[in-house]
Amino acid sequence: MIMDEKALATILLIEDNPSVADPLREGLTEEGYEMVVAFDGYSAEQELNKRSFDAVLLDLGLPDRDGMDLLATIRGKYRDCPVIIITARDRLNDRVMGLDGGADDYLVKPFAYSELAARLRALLRRAESSGPIIKLASITADKRNRTVEREGQQIFLSPREFDILAYLIQHRGRTVSRSMLVQDIWQETNRATSLDNVIDVHLHRLREKLDKEFEQKLIKTVRGVGYCFDG
């Protein structure tokens, strides 16, 4: 992580609405973060070309380009940089597209500042604690570089898929419920709508990448309960 002596972390906030950007910049600066604000996609890309960031807060409704396109650019430059989408787009399909596109979290406006700050802290802790290489069954997972190999073959996972896999490996042999994933991976505790469909989509794609071409299936479905890594 890139930090100076004073700042907890350096955050790029990409938000075109000053009424949203200004309070976030002020609040996070008071908490000890170094804040850089870009009000459009062009300015954001200029900032990304100048320096590295510890996390990005990304609005999707930018005036000059769609935020999903900018997310792809960010992922191309900084594969492991945590990205939280902050947007008014609240449809399930938008959430799935954002998470599958490489975002680590998705927060719908209007949201409480305290919730955003908590999610940011959680993502930064997760990034900071990345470390050892995990070798289990036929899997090699590098938590620092967030890469996965199976039997010497590289498996390309999205950031969320990697987090799910690492969590399942951590709980090897035990059933991981959807509610555990909601709380520990999505950092959601109180929701009006269920994330079950989103979780099932991620697990389906993870298994397609990890298990489809191999005889031994490592991720099992525990019907009506959740999932289990059985390697």
C-alpha atoms as a PDB file:
ATOM      1  CA  MET A   1       0.000   0.000   0.000  1.00  0.00           C
ATOM      2  CA  ILE A   2       1.175   3.520  -0.781  1.00  0.00           C
ATOM      3  CA  MET A   3       1.249   5.705   2.324  1.00  0.00           C
ATOM      4  CA  ASP A   4       3.186   8.714   3.518  1.00  0.00           C
ATOM      5  CA  GLU A   5       4.087   9.475   7.136  1.00  0.00           C
ATOM      6  CA  LYS A   6       0.805  11.201   7.892  1.00  0.00           C
ATOM      7  CA  ALA A   7      -1.893   9.719   5.651  1.00  0.00           C
ATOM      8  CA  LEU A   8      -3.576   6.426   6.458  1.00  0.00           C
ATOM      9  CA  ALA A   9      -3.956   5.813   2.721  1.00  0.00           C
ATOM     10  CA  THR A  10      -4.247   7.730  -0.538  1.00  0.00           C
ATOM     11  CA  ILE A  11      -7.753   7.643  -2.010  1.00  0.00           C
ATOM     12  CA  LEU A  12      -8.932   8.696  -5.470  1.00  0.00           C
ATOM     13  CA  LEU A  13     -12.539   9.906  -5.389  1.00  0.00           C
ATOM     14  CA  ILE A  14     -14.145  10.062  -8.856  1.00  0.00           C
ATOM     15  CA  GLU A  15     -17.430  11.927  -8.467  1.00  0.00           C
ATOM     16  CA  ASP A  16     -18.900  14.703 -10.640  1.00  0.00           C
ATOM     17  CA  ASN A  17     -21.392  16.029  -8.077  1.00  0.00           C
ATOM     18  CA  PRO A  18     -19.759  18.497  -5.646  1.00  0.00           C
ATOM     19  CA  SER A  19     -22.584  17.999  -3.131  1.00  0.00           C
ATOM     20  CA  VAL A  20     -21.449  14.367  -2.838  1.00  0.00           C
ATOM     21  CA  ALA A  21     -17.715  14.822  -3.407  1.00  0.00           C
ATOM     22  CA  ASP A  22     -17.100  17.669  -0.970  1.00  0.00           C
ATOM     23  CA  PRO A  23     -18.529  16.005   2.186  1.00  0.00           C
ATOM     24  CA  LEU A  24     -16.741  12.762   1.369  1.00  0.00           C
ATOM     25  CA  ARG A  25     -13.448  14.553   0.815  1.00  0.00           C
ATOM     26  CA  GLU A  26     -13.806  16.519   4.040  1.00  0.00           C
ATOM     27  CA  GLY A  27     -14.870  13.521   6.133  1.00  0.00           C
ATOM     28  CA  LEU A  28     -12.190  11.170   4.896  1.00  0.00           C
ATOM     29  CA  THR A  29      -9.513  13.857   5.154  1.00  0.00           C
ATOM     30  CA  GLU A  30     -10.486  14.390   8.801  1.00  0.00           C
ATOM     31  CA  GLU A  31     -10.088  10.643   9.373  1.00  0.00           C
ATOM     32  CA  GLY A  32      -6.515  10.830   8.103  1.00  0.00           C
ATOM     33  CA  TYR A  33      -6.741   9.881   4.430  1.00  0.00           C
ATOM     34  CA  GLU A  34      -5.037  11.797   1.643  1.00  0.00           C
ATOM     35  CA  MET A  35      -7.817  12.604  -0.808  1.00  0.00           C
ATOM     36  CA  VAL A  36      -7.554  13.314  -4.541  1.00  0.00           C
ATOM     37  CA  VAL A  37     -10.811  14.242  -6.301  1.00  0.00           C
ATOM     38  CA  ALA A  38     -11.541  13.942 -10.021  1.00  0.00           C
ATOM     39  CA  PHE A  39     -14.828  15.277 -11.365  1.00  0.00           C
ATOM     40  CA  ASP A  40     -14.787  13.410 -14.693  1.00  0.00           C
ATOM     41  CA  GLY A  41     -13.245  10.396 -16.362  1.00  0.00           C
ATOM     42  CA  TYR A  42     -10.535  12.333 -18.176  1.00  0.00           C
ATOM     43  CA  SER A  43      -9.261  13.937 -14.960  1.00  0.00           C
ATOM     44  CA  ALA A  44      -9.407  10.592 -13.187  1.00  0.00           C
ATOM     45  CA  GLU A  45      -7.283   8.924 -15.849  1.00  0.00           C
ATOM     46  CA  GLN A  46      -4.782  11.783 -15.640  1.00  0.00           C
ATOM     47  CA  GLU A  47      -4.479  11.217 -11.887  1.00  0.00           C
ATOM     48  CA  LEU A  48      -4.091   7.472 -12.378  1.00  0.00           C
ATOM     49  CA  ASN A  49      -1.252   8.100 -14.803  1.00  0.00           C
ATOM     50  CA  LYS A  50       0.542  10.355 -12.326  1.00  0.00           C
ATOM     51  CA  ARG A  51       0.525   8.220  -9.192  1.00  0.00           C
ATOM     52  CA  SER A  52      -0.661   5.067  -7.435  1.00  0.00           C
ATOM     53  CA  PHE A  53      -3.650   4.920  -5.102  1.00  0.00           C
ATOM     54  CA  ASP A  54      -4.560   2.658  -2.203  1.00  0.00           C
ATOM     55  CA  ALA A  55      -8.270   2.708  -3.086  1.00  0.00           C
ATOM     56  CA  VAL A  56     -10.700   4.263  -5.551  1.00  0.00           C
ATOM     57  CA  LEU A  57     -14.250   5.496  -4.939  1.00  0.00           C
ATOM     58  CA  LEU A  58     -15.963   5.504  -8.341  1.00  0.00           C
ATOM     59  CA  ASP A  59     -19.224   7.084  -9.441  1.00  0.00           C
ATOM     60  CA  LEU A  60     -20.680   5.457 -12.558  1.00  0.00           C
ATOM     61  CA  GLY A  61     -22.578   8.491 -13.872  1.00  0.00           C
ATOM     62  CA  LEU A  62     -19.698  10.633 -15.096  1.00  0.00           C
ATOM     63  CA  PRO A  63     -20.237  13.465 -17.606  1.00  0.00           C
ATOM     64  CA  ASP A  64     -17.682  12.368 -20.225  1.00  0.00           C
ATOM     65  CA  ARG A  65     -17.648   8.559 -20.082  1.00  0.00           C
ATOM     66  CA  ASP A  66     -19.406   5.676 -18.400  1.00  0.00           C
ATOM     67  CA  GLY A  67     -17.931   4.628 -15.074  1.00  0.00           C
ATOM     68  CA  MET A  68     -17.867   0.963 -16.115  1.00  0.00           C
ATOM     69  CA  ASP A  69     -15.474   1.835 -18.927  1.00  0.00           C
ATOM     70  CA  LEU A  70     -13.287   3.708 -16.460  1.00  0.00           C
ATOM     71  CA  LEU A  71     -13.416   0.708 -14.092  1.00  0.00           C
ATOM     72  CA  ALA A  72     -11.920  -1.450 -16.850  1.00  0.00           C
ATOM     73  CA  THR A  73      -9.120   1.108 -17.245  1.00  0.00           C
ATOM     74  CA  ILE A  74      -8.444   1.104 -13.502  1.00  0.00           C
ATOM     75  CA  ARG A  75      -8.335  -2.687 -13.405  1.00  0.00           C
ATOM     76  CA  GLY A  76      -5.887  -2.657 -16.296  1.00  0.00           C
ATOM     77  CA  LYS A  77      -3.504  -0.360 -14.429  1.00  0.00           C
ATOM     78  CA  TYR A  78      -4.051  -1.503 -10.846  1.00  0.00           C
ATOM     79  CA  ARG A  79      -5.230  -5.086 -10.637  1.00  0.00           C
ATOM     80  CA  ASP A  80      -5.303  -5.183  -6.840  1.00  0.00           C
ATOM     81  CA  CYS A  81      -6.372  -1.637  -5.954  1.00  0.00           C
ATOM     82  CA  PRO A  82      -9.667  -1.791  -4.014  1.00  0.00           C
ATOM     83  CA  VAL A  83     -12.531  -0.091  -5.873  1.00  0.00           C
ATOM     84  CA  ILE A  84     -15.868   0.857  -4.332  1.00  0.00           C
ATOM     85  CA  ILE A  85     -18.589   1.888  -6.774  1.00  0.00           C
ATOM     86  CA  ILE A  86     -20.789   4.685  -5.416  1.00  0.00           C
ATOM     87  CA  THR A  87     -23.815   5.226  -7.641  1.00  0.00           C
ATOM     88  CA  ALA A  88     -27.542   5.832  -7.895  1.00  0.00           C
ATOM     89  CA  ARG A  89     -27.904   2.779 -10.146  1.00  0.00           C
ATOM     90  CA  ASP A  90     -29.714   0.327  -7.898  1.00  0.00           C
ATOM     91  CA  ARG A  91     -30.923  -2.429 -10.231  1.00  0.00           C
ATOM     92  CA  LEU A  92     -29.691  -5.950  -9.565  1.00  0.00           C
ATOM     93  CA  ASN A  93     -28.235  -6.158 -13.057  1.00  0.00           C
ATOM     94  CA  ASP A  94     -26.197  -2.990 -12.435  1.00  0.00           C
ATOM     95  CA  ARG A  95     -24.811  -4.462  -9.219  1.00  0.00           C
ATOM     96  CA  VAL A  96     -23.866  -7.723 -10.914  1.00  0.00           C
ATOM     97  CA  MET A  97     -22.202  -5.871 -13.805  1.00  0.00           C
ATOM     98  CA  GLY A  98     -20.249  -3.678 -11.400  1.00  0.00           C
ATOM     99  CA  LEU A  99     -18.992  -6.576  -9.310  1.00  0.00           C
ATOM    100  CA  ASP A 100     -18.221  -8.741 -12.319  1.00  0.00           C
ATOM    101  CA  GLY A 101     -16.470  -5.769 -13.910  1.00  0.00           C
ATOM    102  CA  GLY A 102     -13.909  -5.755 -11.106  1.00  0.00           C
ATOM    103  CA  ALA A 103     -15.354  -3.625  -8.314  1.00  0.00           C
ATOM    104  CA  ASP A 104     -14.733  -4.876  -4.787  1.00  0.00           C
ATOM    105  CA  ASP A 105     -17.877  -3.294  -3.376  1.00  0.00           C
ATOM    106  CA  TYR A 106     -21.021  -1.529  -4.591  1.00  0.00           C
ATOM    107  CA  LEU A 107     -22.799   1.154  -2.581  1.00  0.00           C
ATOM    108  CA  VAL A 108     -26.067   2.735  -3.728  1.00  0.00           C
ATOM    109  CA  LYS A 109     -26.770   6.434  -3.148  1.00  0.00           C
ATOM    110  CA  PRO A 110     -27.946   7.849  -0.882  1.00  0.00           C
ATOM    111  CA  PHE A 111     -25.781   6.127   1.704  1.00  0.00           C
ATOM    112  CA  ALA A 112     -24.589   6.958   5.191  1.00  0.00           C
ATOM    113  CA  TYR A 113     -21.054   8.316   5.376  1.00  0.00           C
ATOM    114  CA  SER A 114     -20.294   5.976   8.279  1.00  0.00           C
ATOM    115  CA  GLU A 115     -21.160   2.950   6.122  1.00  0.00           C
ATOM    116  CA  LEU A 116     -18.856   4.049   3.302  1.00  0.00           C
ATOM    117  CA  ALA A 117     -16.032   4.731   5.765  1.00  0.00           C
ATOM    118  CA  ALA A 118     -16.479   1.285   7.345  1.00  0.00           C
ATOM    119  CA  ARG A 119     -16.432  -0.467   3.983  1.00  0.00           C
ATOM    120  CA  LEU A 120     -13.326   1.467   2.954  1.00  0.00           C
ATOM    121  CA  ARG A 121     -11.538   0.485   6.167  1.00  0.00           C
ATOM    122  CA  ALA A 122     -12.471  -3.163   5.622  1.00  0.00           C
ATOM    123  CA  LEU A 123     -11.135  -3.183   2.064  1.00  0.00           C
ATOM    124  CA  LEU A 124      -7.897  -1.477   3.082  1.00  0.00           C
ATOM    125  CA  ARG A 125      -7.396  -3.982   5.908  1.00  0.00           C
ATOM    126  CA  ARG A 126      -7.957  -6.826   3.468  1.00  0.00           C
ATOM    127  CA  ALA A 127      -5.446  -5.374   0.994  1.00  0.00           C
ATOM    128  CA  GLU A 128      -2.885  -4.710   3.719  1.00  0.00           C
ATOM    129  CA  SER A 129      -3.111  -8.240   5.124  1.00  0.00           C
ATOM    130  CA  SER A 130      -2.544  -9.939   1.762  1.00  0.00           C
ATOM    131  CA  GLY A 131       0.500 -12.083   2.137  1.00  0.00           C
ATOM    132  CA  PRO A 132       1.359 -15.751   2.028  1.00  0.00           C
ATOM    133  CA  ILE A 133       1.024 -18.148  -0.836  1.00  0.00           C
ATOM    134  CA  ILE A 134      -1.592 -20.831  -0.151  1.00  0.00           C
ATOM    135  CA  LYS A 135      -0.952 -24.326  -1.502  1.00  0.00           C
ATOM    136  CA  LEU A 136      -3.884 -26.653  -1.019  1.00  0.00           C
ATOM    137  CA  ALA A 137      -4.840 -29.732  -3.026  1.00  0.00           C
ATOM    138  CA  SER A 138      -4.045 -28.790  -6.638  1.00  0.00           C
ATOM    139  CA  ILE A 139      -4.508 -25.063  -5.942  1.00  0.00           C
ATOM    140  CA  THR A 140      -1.807 -22.406  -5.513  1.00  0.00           C
ATOM    141  CA  ALA A 141      -3.200 -19.011  -4.509  1.00  0.00           C
ATOM    142  CA  ASP A 142      -0.948 -15.985  -4.120  1.00  0.00           C
ATOM    143  CA  LYS A 143      -2.775 -13.596  -1.807  1.00  0.00           C
ATOM    144  CA  ARG A 144      -0.338 -10.763  -2.420  1.00  0.00           C
ATOM    145  CA  ASN A 145      -0.648 -10.788  -6.205  1.00  0.00           C
ATOM    146  CA  ARG A 146      -4.146 -12.286  -6.103  1.00  0.00           C
ATOM    147  CA  THR A 147      -3.324 -14.973  -8.655  1.00  0.00           C
ATOM    148  CA  VAL A 148      -4.497 -18.582  -8.755  1.00  0.00           C
ATOM    149  CA  GLU A 149      -3.089 -21.673 -10.442  1.00  0.00           C
ATOM    150  CA  ARG A 150      -4.489 -25.187 -10.589  1.00  0.00           C
ATOM    151  CA  GLU A 151      -2.163 -27.969 -11.667  1.00  0.00           C
ATOM    152  CA  GLY A 152       0.131 -25.328 -13.137  1.00  0.00           C
ATOM    153  CA  GLN A 153      -2.655 -23.724 -15.174  1.00  0.00           C
ATOM    154  CA  GLN A 154      -3.376 -20.072 -14.397  1.00  0.00           C
ATOM    155  CA  ILE A 155      -6.987 -19.346 -13.473  1.00  0.00           C
ATOM    156  CA  PHE A 156      -8.097 -15.771 -14.093  1.00  0.00           C
ATOM    157  CA  LEU A 157     -10.499 -14.618 -11.365  1.00  0.00           C
ATOM    158  CA  SER A 158     -12.212 -11.306 -10.742  1.00  0.00           C
ATOM    159  CA  PRO A 159     -11.332  -9.593  -7.441  1.00  0.00           C
ATOM    160  CA  ARG A 160     -14.618 -10.731  -5.884  1.00  0.00           C
ATOM    161  CA  GLU A 161     -14.160 -14.298  -7.100  1.00  0.00           C
ATOM    162  CA  PHE A 162     -10.683 -14.381  -5.570  1.00  0.00           C
ATOM    163  CA  ASP A 163     -12.044 -13.118  -2.244  1.00  0.00           C
ATOM    164  CA  ILE A 164     -14.705 -15.833  -2.248  1.00  0.00           C
ATOM    165  CA  LEU A 165     -12.178 -18.541  -3.080  1.00  0.00           C
ATOM    166  CA  ALA A 166      -9.778 -17.384  -0.353  1.00  0.00           C
ATOM    167  CA  TYR A 167     -12.669 -17.351   2.127  1.00  0.00           C
ATOM    168  CA  LEU A 168     -13.772 -20.867   1.163  1.00  0.00           C
ATOM    169  CA  ILE A 169     -10.200 -22.122   1.480  1.00  0.00           C
ATOM    170  CA  GLN A 170      -9.926 -20.455   4.889  1.00  0.00           C
ATOM    171  CA  HIS A 171     -13.019 -22.424   5.953  1.00  0.00           C
ATOM    172  CA  ARG A 172     -11.930 -25.640   4.216  1.00  0.00           C
ATOM    173  CA  GLY A 173     -14.129 -28.616   5.019  1.00  0.00           C
ATOM    174  CA  ARG A 174     -16.806 -26.448   6.616  1.00  0.00           C
ATOM    175  CA  THR A 175     -19.994 -25.162   5.062  1.00  0.00           C
ATOM    176  CA  VAL A 176     -19.978 -21.450   4.277  1.00  0.00           C
ATOM    177  CA  SER A 177     -23.475 -20.018   4.258  1.00  0.00           C
ATOM    178  CA  ARG A 178     -24.661 -17.191   2.053  1.00  0.00           C
ATOM    179  CA  SER A 179     -25.162 -15.065   5.147  1.00  0.00           C
ATOM    180  CA  MET A 180     -21.476 -15.536   6.045  1.00  0.00           C
ATOM    181  CA  LEU A 181     -20.479 -14.363   2.571  1.00  0.00           C
ATOM    182  CA  VAL A 182     -22.821 -11.388   2.809  1.00  0.00           C
ATOM    183  CA  GLN A 183     -21.321 -10.328   6.132  1.00  0.00           C
ATOM    184  CA  ASP A 184     -17.636 -11.085   5.572  1.00  0.00           C
ATOM    185  CA  ILE A 185     -17.122 -10.594   1.823  1.00  0.00           C
ATOM    186  CA  TRP A 186     -19.804  -8.091   0.868  1.00  0.00           C
ATOM    187  CA  GLN A 187     -19.660  -6.370   4.277  1.00  0.00           C
ATOM    188  CA  GLU A 188     -23.471  -6.169   4.326  1.00  0.00           C
ATOM    189  CA  THR A 189     -25.390  -6.464   7.576  1.00  0.00           C
ATOM    190  CA  ASN A 190     -28.728  -4.770   6.937  1.00  0.00           C
ATOM    191  CA  ARG A 191     -30.354  -4.955   3.516  1.00  0.00           C
ATOM    192  CA  ALA A 192     -33.859  -4.552   2.183  1.00  0.00           C
ATOM    193  CA  THR A 193     -33.140  -6.973  -0.678  1.00  0.00           C
ATOM    194  CA  SER A 194     -31.349 -10.327  -0.683  1.00  0.00           C
ATOM    195  CA  LEU A 195     -27.910 -10.870  -2.224  1.00  0.00           C
ATOM    196  CA  ASP A 196     -28.527 -14.597  -2.729  1.00  0.00           C
ATOM    197  CA  ASN A 197     -28.842 -14.284  -6.523  1.00  0.00           C
ATOM    198  CA  VAL A 198     -25.666 -12.212  -6.783  1.00  0.00           C
ATOM    199  CA  ILE A 199     -23.745 -14.706  -4.635  1.00  0.00           C
ATOM    200  CA  ASP A 200     -25.020 -17.646  -6.691  1.00  0.00           C
ATOM    201  CA  VAL A 201     -23.899 -15.930  -9.907  1.00  0.00           C
ATOM    202  CA  HIS A 202     -20.400 -15.396  -8.498  1.00  0.00           C
ATOM    203  CA  LEU A 203     -20.142 -18.984  -7.250  1.00  0.00           C
ATOM    204  CA  HIS A 204     -21.329 -20.351 -10.589  1.00  0.00           C
ATOM    205  CA  ARG A 205     -18.671 -18.386 -12.457  1.00  0.00           C
ATOM    206  CA  LEU A 206     -15.991 -19.288  -9.929  1.00  0.00           C
ATOM    207  CA  ARG A 207     -16.759 -22.993 -10.323  1.00  0.00           C
ATOM    208  CA  GLU A 208     -16.819 -22.676 -14.105  1.00  0.00           C
ATOM    209  CA  LYS A 209     -13.285 -21.281 -13.987  1.00  0.00           C
ATOM    210  CA  LEU A 210     -11.890 -23.445 -11.185  1.00  0.00           C
ATOM    211  CA  ASP A 211     -13.551 -26.848 -11.629  1.00  0.00           C
ATOM    212  CA  LYS A 212     -14.968 -27.256 -15.141  1.00  0.00           C
ATOM    213  CA  GLU A 213     -11.821 -28.591 -16.822  1.00  0.00           C
ATOM    214  CA  PHE A 214     -10.766 -30.820 -13.917  1.00  0.00           C
ATOM    215  CA  GLU A 215     -12.069 -34.190 -12.770  1.00  0.00           C
ATOM    216  CA  GLN A 216     -11.968 -33.352  -9.057  1.00  0.00           C
ATOM    217  CA  LYS A 217     -14.526 -30.714  -8.145  1.00  0.00           C
ATOM    218  CA  LEU A 218     -13.282 -28.545  -5.282  1.00  0.00           C
ATOM    219  CA  ILE A 219     -16.318 -26.376  -4.573  1.00  0.00           C
ATOM    220  CA  LYS A 220     -19.398 -28.272  -3.420  1.00  0.00           C
ATOM    221  CA  THR A 221     -22.933 -27.004  -3.009  1.00  0.00           C
ATOM    222  CA  VAL A 222     -24.560 -27.849   0.305  1.00  0.00           C
ATOM    223  CA  ARG A 223     -28.180 -27.720  -0.765  1.00  0.00           C
ATOM    224  CA  GLY A 224     -30.230 -25.166   1.094  1.00  0.00           C
ATOM    225  CA  VAL A 225     -27.246 -24.066   3.208  1.00  0.00           C
ATOM    226  CA  GLY A 226     -24.299 -22.786   1.214  1.00  0.00           C
ATOM    227  CA  TYR A 227     -20.958 -23.919  -0.194  1.00  0.00           C
ATOM    228  CA  CYS A 228     -17.905 -25.893   0.885  1.00  0.00           C
ATOM    229  CA  PHE A 229     -14.298 -26.136  -0.363  1.00  0.00           C
ATOM    230  CA  ASP A 230     -13.578 -29.849  -0.421  1.00  0.00           C
ATOM    231  CA  GLY A 231      -9.977 -29.985  -1.619  1.00  0.00           C
END
